[in-house]
Amino acid sequence: MAAALSLSKMPFFSYQRIIMLKFMKVLSLDNRGVSALEYAILAGILIVVIVGGVTALGVDVTALFEKAGAALGRQSTP
């Protein structure tokens, strides 16, 4: 009769492997972090779009305000 191999007689690295595989299985079944990851990706995309838009329009807006300031500066005040 073959003796069953108990966890106490297994090499330590095998026991660690079993624990790690169980932990990975539990993590793979947990869906709580998925929503947070989706929101983080969405926030990152929004930041890239906002920074890109401000960078592209920043020069035009600066020129517009400088032009408006120069026009207001030339007018005489009553």
N, C-alpha and C. Protein backbone atom coordinates (compact mmCIF):
# COMPACT_ATOMS: atom_id res chain seq x y z
N MET A 1 0.86 -1.17 0.00
CA MET A 1 0.00 0.00 0.00
C MET A 1 0.90 1.23 0.00
N ALA A 2 0.65 2.12 -0.93
CA ALA A 2 1.46 3.32 -1.05
C ALA A 2 1.06 4.32 0.02
N ALA A 3 2.04 4.84 0.68
CA ALA A 3 1.76 5.82 1.73
C ALA A 3 1.41 7.15 1.09
N ALA A 4 0.37 7.77 1.61
CA ALA A 4 -0.03 9.09 1.11
C ALA A 4 0.99 10.12 1.56
N LEU A 5 1.32 11.02 0.69
CA LEU A 5 2.29 12.06 1.00
C LEU A 5 1.57 13.20 1.71
N SER A 6 1.88 13.40 2.96
CA SER A 6 1.22 14.46 3.71
C SER A 6 1.99 15.77 3.52
N LEU A 7 1.32 16.87 3.84
CA LEU A 7 1.95 18.18 3.69
C LEU A 7 3.17 18.34 4.58
N SER A 8 3.18 17.68 5.72
CA SER A 8 4.32 17.82 6.63
C SER A 8 5.56 17.13 6.08
N LYS A 9 5.42 16.14 5.20
CA LYS A 9 6.56 15.43 4.65
C LYS A 9 6.98 15.98 3.29
N MET A 10 6.22 16.94 2.74
CA MET A 10 6.56 17.54 1.45
C MET A 10 7.71 18.53 1.63
N PRO A 11 8.53 18.66 0.62
CA PRO A 11 9.55 19.71 0.68
C PRO A 11 8.89 21.08 0.81
N PHE A 12 9.60 21.99 1.43
CA PHE A 12 9.02 23.31 1.72
C PHE A 12 8.60 24.04 0.45
N PHE A 13 9.39 23.97 -0.62
CA PHE A 13 9.05 24.68 -1.83
C PHE A 13 7.77 24.16 -2.46
N SER A 14 7.47 22.87 -2.30
CA SER A 14 6.21 22.32 -2.82
C SER A 14 5.02 22.86 -2.05
N TYR A 15 5.17 22.96 -0.73
CA TYR A 15 4.10 23.51 0.10
C TYR A 15 3.85 24.97 -0.28
N GLN A 16 4.91 25.73 -0.49
CA GLN A 16 4.76 27.12 -0.90
C GLN A 16 4.05 27.21 -2.25
N ARG A 17 4.36 26.29 -3.13
CA ARG A 17 3.74 26.30 -4.46
C ARG A 17 2.23 26.06 -4.35
N ILE A 18 1.84 25.13 -3.49
CA ILE A 18 0.41 24.84 -3.30
C ILE A 18 -0.30 26.07 -2.74
N ILE A 19 0.30 26.70 -1.74
CA ILE A 19 -0.29 27.90 -1.15
C ILE A 19 -0.40 29.01 -2.19
N MET A 20 0.64 29.20 -3.00
CA MET A 20 0.63 30.24 -4.02
C MET A 20 -0.44 29.97 -5.08
N LEU A 21 -0.59 28.72 -5.49
CA LEU A 21 -1.61 28.38 -6.48
C LEU A 21 -3.01 28.61 -5.93
N LYS A 22 -3.23 28.29 -4.66
CA LYS A 22 -4.54 28.56 -4.04
C LYS A 22 -4.79 30.06 -3.97
N PHE A 23 -3.77 30.82 -3.62
CA PHE A 23 -3.89 32.28 -3.54
C PHE A 23 -4.20 32.87 -4.91
N MET A 24 -3.53 32.39 -5.95
CA MET A 24 -3.78 32.89 -7.30
C MET A 24 -5.19 32.54 -7.76
N LYS A 25 -5.69 31.37 -7.37
CA LYS A 25 -7.06 31.00 -7.72
C LYS A 25 -8.06 31.93 -7.05
N VAL A 26 -7.83 32.25 -5.78
CA VAL A 26 -8.72 33.17 -5.07
C VAL A 26 -8.68 34.55 -5.72
N LEU A 27 -7.50 35.02 -6.09
CA LEU A 27 -7.39 36.33 -6.74
C LEU A 27 -8.07 36.35 -8.10
N SER A 28 -7.99 35.24 -8.82
CA SER A 28 -8.60 35.21 -10.15
C SER A 28 -10.13 35.23 -10.07
N LEU A 29 -10.69 34.80 -8.96
CA LEU A 29 -12.14 34.81 -8.79
C LEU A 29 -12.66 36.11 -8.21
N ASP A 30 -11.78 36.98 -7.72
CA ASP A 30 -12.17 38.24 -7.10
C ASP A 30 -12.27 39.34 -8.16
N ASN A 31 -13.44 39.94 -8.29
CA ASN A 31 -13.67 40.97 -9.31
C ASN A 31 -13.72 42.38 -8.74
N ARG A 32 -13.43 42.57 -7.48
CA ARG A 32 -13.56 43.90 -6.88
C ARG A 32 -12.60 44.92 -7.46
N GLY A 33 -11.40 44.55 -7.82
CA GLY A 33 -10.41 45.49 -8.32
C GLY A 33 -10.60 45.86 -9.77
N VAL A 34 -11.46 45.16 -10.48
CA VAL A 34 -11.64 45.40 -11.91
C VAL A 34 -12.21 46.79 -12.16
N SER A 35 -13.21 47.19 -11.39
CA SER A 35 -13.82 48.50 -11.57
C SER A 35 -12.83 49.62 -11.30
N ALA A 36 -12.03 49.47 -10.26
CA ALA A 36 -11.02 50.49 -9.95
C ALA A 36 -10.01 50.60 -11.08
N LEU A 37 -9.63 49.50 -11.66
CA LEU A 37 -8.68 49.52 -12.77
C LEU A 37 -9.30 50.20 -13.99
N GLU A 38 -10.56 49.93 -14.26
CA GLU A 38 -11.23 50.58 -15.39
C GLU A 38 -11.30 52.09 -15.18
N TYR A 39 -11.62 52.52 -13.97
CA TYR A 39 -11.67 53.96 -13.68
C TYR A 39 -10.29 54.60 -13.79
N ALA A 40 -9.26 53.89 -13.38
CA ALA A 40 -7.90 54.43 -13.48
C ALA A 40 -7.48 54.58 -14.94
N ILE A 41 -7.83 53.61 -15.77
CA ILE A 41 -7.51 53.72 -17.20
C ILE A 41 -8.28 54.87 -17.82
N LEU A 42 -9.57 55.00 -17.49
CA LEU A 42 -10.39 56.10 -18.02
C LEU A 42 -9.83 57.45 -17.58
N ALA A 43 -9.42 57.57 -16.33
CA ALA A 43 -8.84 58.83 -15.84
C ALA A 43 -7.54 59.14 -16.57
N GLY A 44 -6.74 58.13 -16.81
CA GLY A 44 -5.49 58.34 -17.55
C GLY A 44 -5.74 58.83 -18.97
N ILE A 45 -6.72 58.24 -19.64
CA ILE A 45 -7.06 58.68 -21.00
C ILE A 45 -7.56 60.11 -20.99
N LEU A 46 -8.41 60.45 -20.02
CA LEU A 46 -8.92 61.82 -19.93
C LEU A 46 -7.79 62.82 -19.69
N ILE A 47 -6.84 62.48 -18.85
CA ILE A 47 -5.72 63.37 -18.58
C ILE A 47 -4.91 63.60 -19.84
N VAL A 48 -4.66 62.54 -20.60
CA VAL A 48 -3.90 62.68 -21.85
C VAL A 48 -4.65 63.59 -22.83
N VAL A 49 -5.97 63.42 -22.95
CA VAL A 49 -6.76 64.24 -23.86
C VAL A 49 -6.78 65.70 -23.41
N ILE A 50 -6.94 65.94 -22.12
CA ILE A 50 -6.97 67.32 -21.61
C ILE A 50 -5.62 68.00 -21.80
N VAL A 51 -4.54 67.32 -21.45
CA VAL A 51 -3.21 67.91 -21.61
C VAL A 51 -2.92 68.16 -23.09
N GLY A 52 -3.29 67.23 -23.94
CA GLY A 52 -3.09 67.42 -25.38
C GLY A 52 -3.89 68.59 -25.91
N GLY A 53 -5.14 68.73 -25.47
CA GLY A 53 -5.98 69.85 -25.92
C GLY A 53 -5.45 71.19 -25.43
N VAL A 54 -5.06 71.25 -24.18
CA VAL A 54 -4.53 72.51 -23.64
C VAL A 54 -3.22 72.87 -24.33
N THR A 55 -2.40 71.90 -24.59
CA THR A 55 -1.12 72.16 -25.28
C THR A 55 -1.37 72.66 -26.70
N ALA A 56 -2.31 72.03 -27.40
CA ALA A 56 -2.59 72.43 -28.77
C ALA A 56 -3.25 73.81 -28.84
N LEU A 57 -4.15 74.09 -27.92
CA LEU A 57 -4.88 75.36 -27.94
C LEU A 57 -4.21 76.45 -27.11
N GLY A 58 -3.23 76.08 -26.31
CA GLY A 58 -2.59 77.05 -25.40
C GLY A 58 -1.98 78.22 -26.13
N VAL A 59 -1.30 77.99 -27.24
CA VAL A 59 -0.66 79.06 -27.99
C VAL A 59 -1.71 79.98 -28.58
N ASP A 60 -2.78 79.42 -29.14
CA ASP A 60 -3.84 80.22 -29.73
C ASP A 60 -4.55 81.07 -28.67
N VAL A 61 -4.81 80.50 -27.51
CA VAL A 61 -5.49 81.23 -26.44
C VAL A 61 -4.60 82.35 -25.92
N THR A 62 -3.33 82.09 -25.78
CA THR A 62 -2.40 83.13 -25.33
C THR A 62 -2.37 84.28 -26.31
N ALA A 63 -2.29 83.97 -27.58
CA ALA A 63 -2.28 85.01 -28.61
C ALA A 63 -3.58 85.80 -28.58
N LEU A 64 -4.70 85.12 -28.37
CA LEU A 64 -6.01 85.79 -28.32
C LEU A 64 -6.06 86.77 -27.15
N PHE A 65 -5.61 86.36 -25.97
CA PHE A 65 -5.63 87.26 -24.81
C PHE A 65 -4.65 88.42 -24.98
N GLU A 66 -3.50 88.17 -25.57
CA GLU A 66 -2.56 89.26 -25.81
C GLU A 66 -3.15 90.28 -26.79
N LYS A 67 -3.83 89.78 -27.80
CA LYS A 67 -4.46 90.66 -28.78
C LYS A 67 -5.58 91.48 -28.12
N ALA A 68 -6.38 90.83 -27.28
CA ALA A 68 -7.47 91.53 -26.58
C ALA A 68 -6.90 92.55 -25.60
N GLY A 69 -5.83 92.17 -24.90
CA GLY A 69 -5.21 93.11 -23.96
C GLY A 69 -4.62 94.32 -24.67
N ALA A 70 -4.02 94.11 -25.81
CA ALA A 70 -3.47 95.22 -26.57
C ALA A 70 -4.57 96.13 -27.08
N ALA A 71 -5.69 95.52 -27.51
CA ALA A 71 -6.82 96.34 -27.99
C ALA A 71 -7.43 97.13 -26.85
N LEU A 72 -7.53 96.56 -25.67
CA LEU A 72 -8.08 97.29 -24.52
C LEU A 72 -7.12 98.37 -24.04
N GLY A 73 -5.86 98.12 -24.16
CA GLY A 73 -4.85 99.09 -23.73
C GLY A 73 -4.82 100.32 -24.63
N ARG A 74 -5.19 100.20 -25.88
CA ARG A 74 -5.17 101.32 -26.81
C ARG A 74 -6.38 102.22 -26.65
N GLN A 75 -7.46 101.71 -26.07
CA GLN A 75 -8.66 102.52 -25.92
C GLN A 75 -8.45 103.52 -24.80
N SER A 76 -8.99 104.68 -25.01
CA SER A 76 -8.90 105.70 -23.95
C SER A 76 -10.04 105.50 -22.97
N THR A 77 -9.75 105.70 -21.70
CA THR A 77 -10.78 105.55 -20.67
C THR A 77 -11.38 106.91 -20.39
N PRO A 78 -12.70 106.99 -20.18
CA PRO A 78 -13.34 108.29 -19.93
C PRO A 78 -13.01 108.89 -18.59
